[in-house]
Amino acid sequence: MTEDDISVLNGYFSWFEDALRNVDFEDEYTFDKSAQINAGDYYYIYTKYSDNPYSNFDVYYVDTDSNTLYFIHINI
């Protein structure tokens, strides 16, 4: 993962946080992007619509420091 990849991944996690905030699930979500997304990690992003990638997506992110798989999904 490069610095550009980190920026892209942060964009999806930020959008996801905003979506949760809009439906009052913000307290259920605890993910610190700045502390967890690092250059040695892995990710996969699937977007259904290329013209609006945030409208329908799956993000799989593996934090190699903690050996944790994170999955976020939006289908609006």
PDB file of N, CA and C in Angstrom:
ATOM      1  N   MET A   1       0.848  -1.172   0.000  1.00  0.00           N
ATOM      2  CA  MET A   1       0.000   0.000   0.000  1.00  0.00           C
ATOM      3  C   MET A   1       0.893   1.235   0.000  1.00  0.00           C
ATOM      4  N   THR A   2       0.599   2.163  -0.896  1.00  0.00           N
ATOM      5  CA  THR A   2       1.363   3.403  -1.000  1.00  0.00           C
ATOM      6  C   THR A   2       0.642   4.527  -0.243  1.00  0.00           C
ATOM      7  N   GLU A   3       1.275   5.687  -0.177  1.00  0.00           N
ATOM      8  CA  GLU A   3       0.640   6.853   0.449  1.00  0.00           C
ATOM      9  C   GLU A   3      -0.634   7.251  -0.302  1.00  0.00           C
ATOM     10  N   ASP A   4      -0.617   7.118  -1.636  1.00  0.00           N
ATOM     11  CA  ASP A   4      -1.826   7.403  -2.424  1.00  0.00           C
ATOM     12  C   ASP A   4      -2.947   6.424  -2.082  1.00  0.00           C
ATOM     13  N   ASP A   5      -2.584   5.145  -1.916  1.00  0.00           N
ATOM     14  CA  ASP A   5      -3.573   4.146  -1.528  1.00  0.00           C
ATOM     15  C   ASP A   5      -4.177   4.469  -0.164  1.00  0.00           C
ATOM     16  N   ILE A   6      -3.339   4.909   0.758  1.00  0.00           N
ATOM     17  CA  ILE A   6      -3.811   5.279   2.093  1.00  0.00           C
ATOM     18  C   ILE A   6      -4.829   6.412   1.990  1.00  0.00           C
ATOM     19  N   SER A   7      -4.562   7.370   1.134  1.00  0.00           N
ATOM     20  CA  SER A   7      -5.482   8.486   0.933  1.00  0.00           C
ATOM     21  C   SER A   7      -6.825   8.005   0.380  1.00  0.00           C
ATOM     22  N   VAL A   8      -6.789   7.109  -0.590  1.00  0.00           N
ATOM     23  CA  VAL A   8      -8.019   6.562  -1.173  1.00  0.00           C
ATOM     24  C   VAL A   8      -8.806   5.795  -0.114  1.00  0.00           C
ATOM     25  N   LEU A   9      -8.125   4.948   0.625  1.00  0.00           N
ATOM     26  CA  LEU A   9      -8.777   4.152   1.662  1.00  0.00           C
ATOM     27  C   LEU A   9      -9.368   5.045   2.754  1.00  0.00           C
ATOM     28  N   ASN A  10      -8.636   6.070   3.141  1.00  0.00           N
ATOM     29  CA  ASN A  10      -9.153   7.032   4.124  1.00  0.00           C
ATOM     30  C   ASN A  10     -10.429   7.689   3.627  1.00  0.00           C
ATOM     31  N   GLY A  11     -10.521   7.955   2.323  1.00  0.00           N
ATOM     32  CA  GLY A  11     -11.723   8.550   1.756  1.00  0.00           C
ATOM     33  C   GLY A  11     -12.944   7.667   1.950  1.00  0.00           C
ATOM     34  N   TYR A  12     -12.792   6.370   1.742  1.00  0.00           N
ATOM     35  CA  TYR A  12     -13.907   5.447   1.937  1.00  0.00           C
ATOM     36  C   TYR A  12     -14.300   5.352   3.415  1.00  0.00           C
ATOM     37  N   PHE A  13     -13.312   5.257   4.289  1.00  0.00           N
ATOM     38  CA  PHE A  13     -13.627   5.187   5.724  1.00  0.00           C
ATOM     39  C   PHE A  13     -14.254   6.488   6.219  1.00  0.00           C
ATOM     40  N   SER A  14     -13.821   7.616   5.707  1.00  0.00           N
ATOM     41  CA  SER A  14     -14.428   8.901   6.097  1.00  0.00           C
ATOM     42  C   SER A  14     -15.871   8.989   5.622  1.00  0.00           C
ATOM     43  N   TRP A  15     -16.115   8.554   4.399  1.00  0.00           N
ATOM     44  CA  TRP A  15     -17.474   8.576   3.865  1.00  0.00           C
ATOM     45  C   TRP A  15     -18.365   7.656   4.690  1.00  0.00           C
ATOM     46  N   PHE A  16     -17.836   6.489   5.057  1.00  0.00           N
ATOM     47  CA  PHE A  16     -18.582   5.526   5.866  1.00  0.00           C
ATOM     48  C   PHE A  16     -18.922   6.121   7.239  1.00  0.00           C
ATOM     49  N   GLU A  17     -17.963   6.783   7.866  1.00  0.00           N
ATOM     50  CA  GLU A  17     -18.209   7.439   9.158  1.00  0.00           C
ATOM     51  C   GLU A  17     -19.318   8.479   9.042  1.00  0.00           C
ATOM     52  N   ASP A  18     -19.278   9.280   7.989  1.00  0.00           N
ATOM     53  CA  ASP A  18     -20.319  10.295   7.781  1.00  0.00           C
ATOM     54  C   ASP A  18     -21.692   9.654   7.597  1.00  0.00           C
ATOM     55  N   ALA A  19     -21.733   8.550   6.853  1.00  0.00           N
ATOM     56  CA  ALA A  19     -23.009   7.851   6.642  1.00  0.00           C
ATOM     57  C   ALA A  19     -23.556   7.316   7.963  1.00  0.00           C
ATOM     58  N   LEU A  20     -22.690   6.779   8.811  1.00  0.00           N
ATOM     59  CA  LEU A  20     -23.135   6.282  10.113  1.00  0.00           C
ATOM     60  C   LEU A  20     -23.600   7.414  11.018  1.00  0.00           C
ATOM     61  N   ARG A  21     -22.944   8.535  10.928  1.00  0.00           N
ATOM     62  CA  ARG A  21     -23.327   9.693  11.728  1.00  0.00           C
ATOM     63  C   ARG A  21     -24.745  10.152  11.366  1.00  0.00           C
ATOM     64  N   ASN A  22     -25.094  10.022  10.099  1.00  0.00           N
ATOM     65  CA  ASN A  22     -26.413  10.444   9.626  1.00  0.00           C
ATOM     66  C   ASN A  22     -27.543   9.537  10.102  1.00  0.00           C
ATOM     67  N   VAL A  23     -27.230   8.327  10.507  1.00  0.00           N
ATOM     68  CA  VAL A  23     -28.259   7.397  10.986  1.00  0.00           C
ATOM     69  C   VAL A  23     -28.055   7.012  12.452  1.00  0.00           C
ATOM     70  N   ASP A  24     -27.313   7.816  13.174  1.00  0.00           N
ATOM     71  CA  ASP A  24     -27.100   7.643  14.616  1.00  0.00           C
ATOM     72  C   ASP A  24     -26.431   6.326  15.014  1.00  0.00           C
ATOM     73  N   PHE A  25     -25.530   5.822  14.194  1.00  0.00           N
ATOM     74  CA  PHE A  25     -24.746   4.644  14.549  1.00  0.00           C
ATOM     75  C   PHE A  25     -23.290   4.997  14.845  1.00  0.00           C
ATOM     76  N   GLU A  26     -23.004   6.248  14.977  1.00  0.00           N
ATOM     77  CA  GLU A  26     -21.634   6.713  15.167  1.00  0.00           C
ATOM     78  C   GLU A  26     -20.981   6.091  16.401  1.00  0.00           C
ATOM     79  N   ASP A  27     -21.756   5.894  17.473  1.00  0.00           N
ATOM     80  CA  ASP A  27     -21.198   5.328  18.703  1.00  0.00           C
ATOM     81  C   ASP A  27     -20.823   3.858  18.567  1.00  0.00           C
ATOM     82  N   GLU A  28     -21.360   3.182  17.558  1.00  0.00           N
ATOM     83  CA  GLU A  28     -21.086   1.759  17.343  1.00  0.00           C
ATOM     84  C   GLU A  28     -19.816   1.526  16.522  1.00  0.00           C
ATOM     85  N   TYR A  29     -19.231   2.580  16.015  1.00  0.00           N
ATOM     86  CA  TYR A  29     -18.116   2.470  15.082  1.00  0.00           C
ATOM     87  C   TYR A  29     -16.865   3.049  15.710  1.00  0.00           C
ATOM     88  N   THR A  30     -15.857   2.218  15.896  1.00  0.00           N
ATOM     89  CA  THR A  30     -14.602   2.692  16.479  1.00  0.00           C
ATOM     90  C   THR A  30     -13.441   2.261  15.580  1.00  0.00           C
ATOM     91  N   PHE A  31     -12.993   3.172  14.767  1.00  0.00           N
ATOM     92  CA  PHE A  31     -11.876   2.908  13.870  1.00  0.00           C
ATOM     93  C   PHE A  31     -11.078   4.182  13.706  1.00  0.00           C
ATOM     94  N   ASP A  32      -9.840   4.157  14.138  1.00  0.00           N
ATOM     95  CA  ASP A  32      -8.971   5.328  14.054  1.00  0.00           C
ATOM     96  C   ASP A  32      -8.080   5.180  12.820  1.00  0.00           C
ATOM     97  N   LYS A  33      -8.477   5.832  11.731  1.00  0.00           N
ATOM     98  CA  LYS A  33      -7.747   5.708  10.471  1.00  0.00           C
ATOM     99  C   LYS A  33      -6.280   6.098  10.606  1.00  0.00           C
ATOM    100  N   SER A  34      -6.021   7.161  11.326  1.00  0.00           N
ATOM    101  CA  SER A  34      -4.643   7.654  11.416  1.00  0.00           C
ATOM    102  C   SER A  34      -3.739   6.691  12.163  1.00  0.00           C
ATOM    103  N   ALA A  35      -4.291   5.916  13.056  1.00  0.00           N
ATOM    104  CA  ALA A  35      -3.472   4.992  13.844  1.00  0.00           C
ATOM    105  C   ALA A  35      -3.366   3.621  13.199  1.00  0.00           C
ATOM    106  N   GLN A  36      -4.304   3.269  12.309  1.00  0.00           N
ATOM    107  CA  GLN A  36      -4.363   1.895  11.845  1.00  0.00           C
ATOM    108  C   GLN A  36      -3.949   1.676  10.395  1.00  0.00           C
ATOM    109  N   ILE A  37      -4.170   2.584   9.511  1.00  0.00           N
ATOM    110  CA  ILE A  37      -3.842   2.359   8.106  1.00  0.00           C
ATOM    111  C   ILE A  37      -2.377   2.714   7.869  1.00  0.00           C
ATOM    112  N   ASN A  38      -1.604   1.694   7.465  1.00  0.00           N
ATOM    113  CA  ASN A  38      -0.162   1.857   7.283  1.00  0.00           C
ATOM    114  C   ASN A  38       0.276   1.303   5.929  1.00  0.00           C
ATOM    115  N   ALA A  39       1.487   1.647   5.556  1.00  0.00           N
ATOM    116  CA  ALA A  39       2.012   1.288   4.236  1.00  0.00           C
ATOM    117  C   ALA A  39       2.117  -0.218   4.009  1.00  0.00           C
ATOM    118  N   GLY A  40       2.294  -1.037   5.014  1.00  0.00           N
ATOM    119  CA  GLY A  40       2.438  -2.479   4.816  1.00  0.00           C
ATOM    120  C   GLY A  40       1.138  -3.250   4.805  1.00  0.00           C
ATOM    121  N   ASP A  41       0.014  -2.574   4.912  1.00  0.00           N
ATOM    122  CA  ASP A  41      -1.288  -3.225   4.998  1.00  0.00           C
ATOM    123  C   ASP A  41      -1.819  -3.590   3.610  1.00  0.00           C
ATOM    124  N   TYR A  42      -2.939  -4.307   3.591  1.00  0.00           N
ATOM    125  CA  TYR A  42      -3.557  -4.748   2.352  1.00  0.00           C
ATOM    126  C   TYR A  42      -5.012  -4.299   2.313  1.00  0.00           C
ATOM    127  N   TYR A  43      -5.518  -4.080   1.097  1.00  0.00           N
ATOM    128  CA  TYR A  43      -6.928  -3.714   0.956  1.00  0.00           C
ATOM    129  C   TYR A  43      -7.453  -4.135  -0.410  1.00  0.00           C
ATOM    130  N   TYR A  44      -8.783  -4.242  -0.486  1.00  0.00           N
ATOM    131  CA  TYR A  44      -9.471  -4.491  -1.741  1.00  0.00           C
ATOM    132  C   TYR A  44     -10.730  -3.634  -1.715  1.00  0.00           C
ATOM    133  N   ILE A  45     -10.986  -2.912  -2.792  1.00  0.00           N
ATOM    134  CA  ILE A  45     -12.183  -2.077  -2.903  1.00  0.00           C
ATOM    135  C   ILE A  45     -12.970  -2.507  -4.130  1.00  0.00           C
ATOM    136  N   TYR A  46     -14.254  -2.776  -3.921  1.00  0.00           N
ATOM    137  CA  TYR A  46     -15.169  -3.058  -5.020  1.00  0.00           C
ATOM    138  C   TYR A  46     -16.196  -1.928  -5.056  1.00  0.00           C
ATOM    139  N   THR A  47     -16.339  -1.295  -6.205  1.00  0.00           N
ATOM    140  CA  THR A  47     -17.380  -0.273  -6.387  1.00  0.00           C
ATOM    141  C   THR A  47     -18.275  -0.707  -7.535  1.00  0.00           C
ATOM    142  N   LYS A  48     -19.570  -0.585  -7.314  1.00  0.00           N
ATOM    143  CA  LYS A  48     -20.536  -1.007  -8.336  1.00  0.00           C
ATOM    144  C   LYS A  48     -20.649   0.015  -9.462  1.00  0.00           C
ATOM    145  N   TYR A  49     -20.563   1.299  -9.114  1.00  0.00           N
ATOM    146  CA  TYR A  49     -20.740   2.361 -10.105  1.00  0.00           C
ATOM    147  C   TYR A  49     -19.485   3.220 -10.175  1.00  0.00           C
ATOM    148  N   SER A  50     -18.838   3.243 -11.317  1.00  0.00           N
ATOM    149  CA  SER A  50     -17.588   4.003 -11.442  1.00  0.00           C
ATOM    150  C   SER A  50     -17.824   5.509 -11.416  1.00  0.00           C
ATOM    151  N   ASP A  51     -19.018   5.959 -11.827  1.00  0.00           N
ATOM    152  CA  ASP A  51     -19.281   7.397 -11.845  1.00  0.00           C
ATOM    153  C   ASP A  51     -19.562   7.949 -10.441  1.00  0.00           C
ATOM    154  N   ASN A  52     -19.953   7.100  -9.497  1.00  0.00           N
ATOM    155  CA  ASN A  52     -20.184   7.511  -8.106  1.00  0.00           C
ATOM    156  C   ASN A  52     -19.738   6.372  -7.186  1.00  0.00           C
ATOM    157  N   PRO A  53     -18.433   6.212  -6.977  1.00  0.00           N
ATOM    158  CA  PRO A  53     -17.929   5.040  -6.246  1.00  0.00           C
ATOM    159  C   PRO A  53     -18.406   4.946  -4.797  1.00  0.00           C
ATOM    160  N   TYR A  54     -18.815   6.057  -4.191  1.00  0.00           N
ATOM    161  CA  TYR A  54     -19.254   6.007  -2.799  1.00  0.00           C
ATOM    162  C   TYR A  54     -20.712   5.588  -2.647  1.00  0.00           C
ATOM    163  N   SER A  55     -21.448   5.401  -3.730  1.00  0.00           N
ATOM    164  CA  SER A  55     -22.866   5.063  -3.613  1.00  0.00           C
ATOM    165  C   SER A  55     -23.091   3.580  -3.340  1.00  0.00           C
ATOM    166  N   ASN A  56     -22.158   2.740  -3.714  1.00  0.00           N
ATOM    167  CA  ASN A  56     -22.310   1.307  -3.509  1.00  0.00           C
ATOM    168  C   ASN A  56     -20.917   0.688  -3.512  1.00  0.00           C
ATOM    169  N   PHE A  57     -20.415   0.320  -2.349  1.00  0.00           N
ATOM    170  CA  PHE A  57     -19.053  -0.200  -2.297  1.00  0.00           C
ATOM    171  C   PHE A  57     -18.872  -1.221  -1.186  1.00  0.00           C
ATOM    172  N   ASP A  58     -17.850  -2.047  -1.366  1.00  0.00           N
ATOM    173  CA  ASP A  58     -17.333  -2.945  -0.342  1.00  0.00           C
ATOM    174  C   ASP A  58     -15.855  -2.628  -0.188  1.00  0.00           C
ATOM    175  N   VAL A  59     -15.399  -2.523   1.037  1.00  0.00           N
ATOM    176  CA  VAL A  59     -13.978  -2.328   1.301  1.00  0.00           C
ATOM    177  C   VAL A  59     -13.527  -3.400   2.289  1.00  0.00           C
ATOM    178  N   TYR A  60     -12.504  -4.128   1.896  1.00  0.00           N
ATOM    179  CA  TYR A  60     -11.848  -5.086   2.768  1.00  0.00           C
ATOM    180  C   TYR A  60     -10.472  -4.506   3.086  1.00  0.00           C
ATOM    181  N   TYR A  61     -10.166  -4.404   4.339  1.00  0.00           N
ATOM    182  CA  TYR A  61      -8.884  -3.830   4.747  1.00  0.00           C
ATOM    183  C   TYR A  61      -8.251  -4.739   5.796  1.00  0.00           C
ATOM    184  N   VAL A  62      -6.997  -5.124   5.580  1.00  0.00           N
ATOM    185  CA  VAL A  62      -6.278  -5.972   6.522  1.00  0.00           C
ATOM    186  C   VAL A  62      -5.194  -5.150   7.194  1.00  0.00           C
ATOM    187  N   ASP A  63      -5.317  -5.006   8.501  1.00  0.00           N
ATOM    188  CA  ASP A  63      -4.303  -4.347   9.316  1.00  0.00           C
ATOM    189  C   ASP A  63      -3.278  -5.410   9.697  1.00  0.00           C
ATOM    190  N   THR A  64      -2.096  -5.320   9.106  1.00  0.00           N
ATOM    191  CA  THR A  64      -1.090  -6.364   9.329  1.00  0.00           C
ATOM    192  C   THR A  64      -0.470  -6.302  10.724  1.00  0.00           C
ATOM    193  N   ASP A  65      -0.539  -5.170  11.387  1.00  0.00           N
ATOM    194  CA  ASP A  65      -0.009  -5.081  12.754  1.00  0.00           C
ATOM    195  C   ASP A  65      -0.835  -5.908  13.731  1.00  0.00           C
ATOM    196  N   SER A  66      -2.155  -5.877  13.558  1.00  0.00           N
ATOM    197  CA  SER A  66      -3.032  -6.595  14.483  1.00  0.00           C
ATOM    198  C   SER A  66      -3.641  -7.861  13.875  1.00  0.00           C
ATOM    199  N   ASN A  67      -3.303  -8.153  12.596  1.00  0.00           N
ATOM    200  CA  ASN A  67      -3.891  -9.289  11.878  1.00  0.00           C
ATOM    201  C   ASN A  67      -5.415  -9.251  11.926  1.00  0.00           C
ATOM    202  N   THR A  68      -5.968  -8.067  11.642  1.00  0.00           N
ATOM    203  CA  THR A  68      -7.410  -7.857  11.702  1.00  0.00           C
ATOM    204  C   THR A  68      -7.937  -7.493  10.321  1.00  0.00           C
ATOM    205  N   LEU A  69      -9.040  -8.141   9.938  1.00  0.00           N
ATOM    206  CA  LEU A  69      -9.732  -7.813   8.701  1.00  0.00           C
ATOM    207  C   LEU A  69     -10.902  -6.903   9.032  1.00  0.00           C
ATOM    208  N   TYR A  70     -10.965  -5.754   8.375  1.00  0.00           N
ATOM    209  CA  TYR A  70     -12.083  -4.826   8.511  1.00  0.00           C
ATOM    210  C   TYR A  70     -12.874  -4.870   7.216  1.00  0.00           C
ATOM    211  N   PHE A  71     -14.190  -4.819   7.344  1.00  0.00           N
ATOM    212  CA  PHE A  71     -15.068  -4.824   6.171  1.00  0.00           C
ATOM    213  C   PHE A  71     -16.095  -3.722   6.366  1.00  0.00           C
ATOM    214  N   ILE A  72     -16.229  -2.851   5.366  1.00  0.00           N
ATOM    215  CA  ILE A  72     -17.298  -1.853   5.383  1.00  0.00           C
ATOM    216  C   ILE A  72     -18.042  -1.948   4.066  1.00  0.00           C
ATOM    217  N   HIS A  73     -19.333  -1.655   4.130  1.00  0.00           N
ATOM    218  CA  HIS A  73     -20.209  -1.793   2.967  1.00  0.00           C
ATOM    219  C   HIS A  73     -21.246  -0.684   2.984  1.00  0.00           C
ATOM    220  N   ILE A  74     -21.476  -0.097   1.844  1.00  0.00           N
ATOM    221  CA  ILE A  74     -22.537   0.882   1.679  1.00  0.00           C
ATOM    222  C   ILE A  74     -23.319   0.515   0.422  1.00  0.00           C
ATOM    223  N   ASN A  75     -24.634   0.514   0.538  1.00  0.00           N
ATOM    224  CA  ASN A  75     -25.505   0.257  -0.595  1.00  0.00           C
ATOM    225  C   ASN A  75     -26.651   1.239  -0.513  1.00  0.00           C
ATOM    226  N   ILE A  76     -26.463   2.403  -1.127  1.00  0.00           N
ATOM    227  CA  ILE A  76     -27.467   3.467  -1.036  1.00  0.00           C
ATOM    228  C   ILE A  76     -28.202   3.593  -2.349  1.00  0.00           C
TER     229      ILE A  76
END
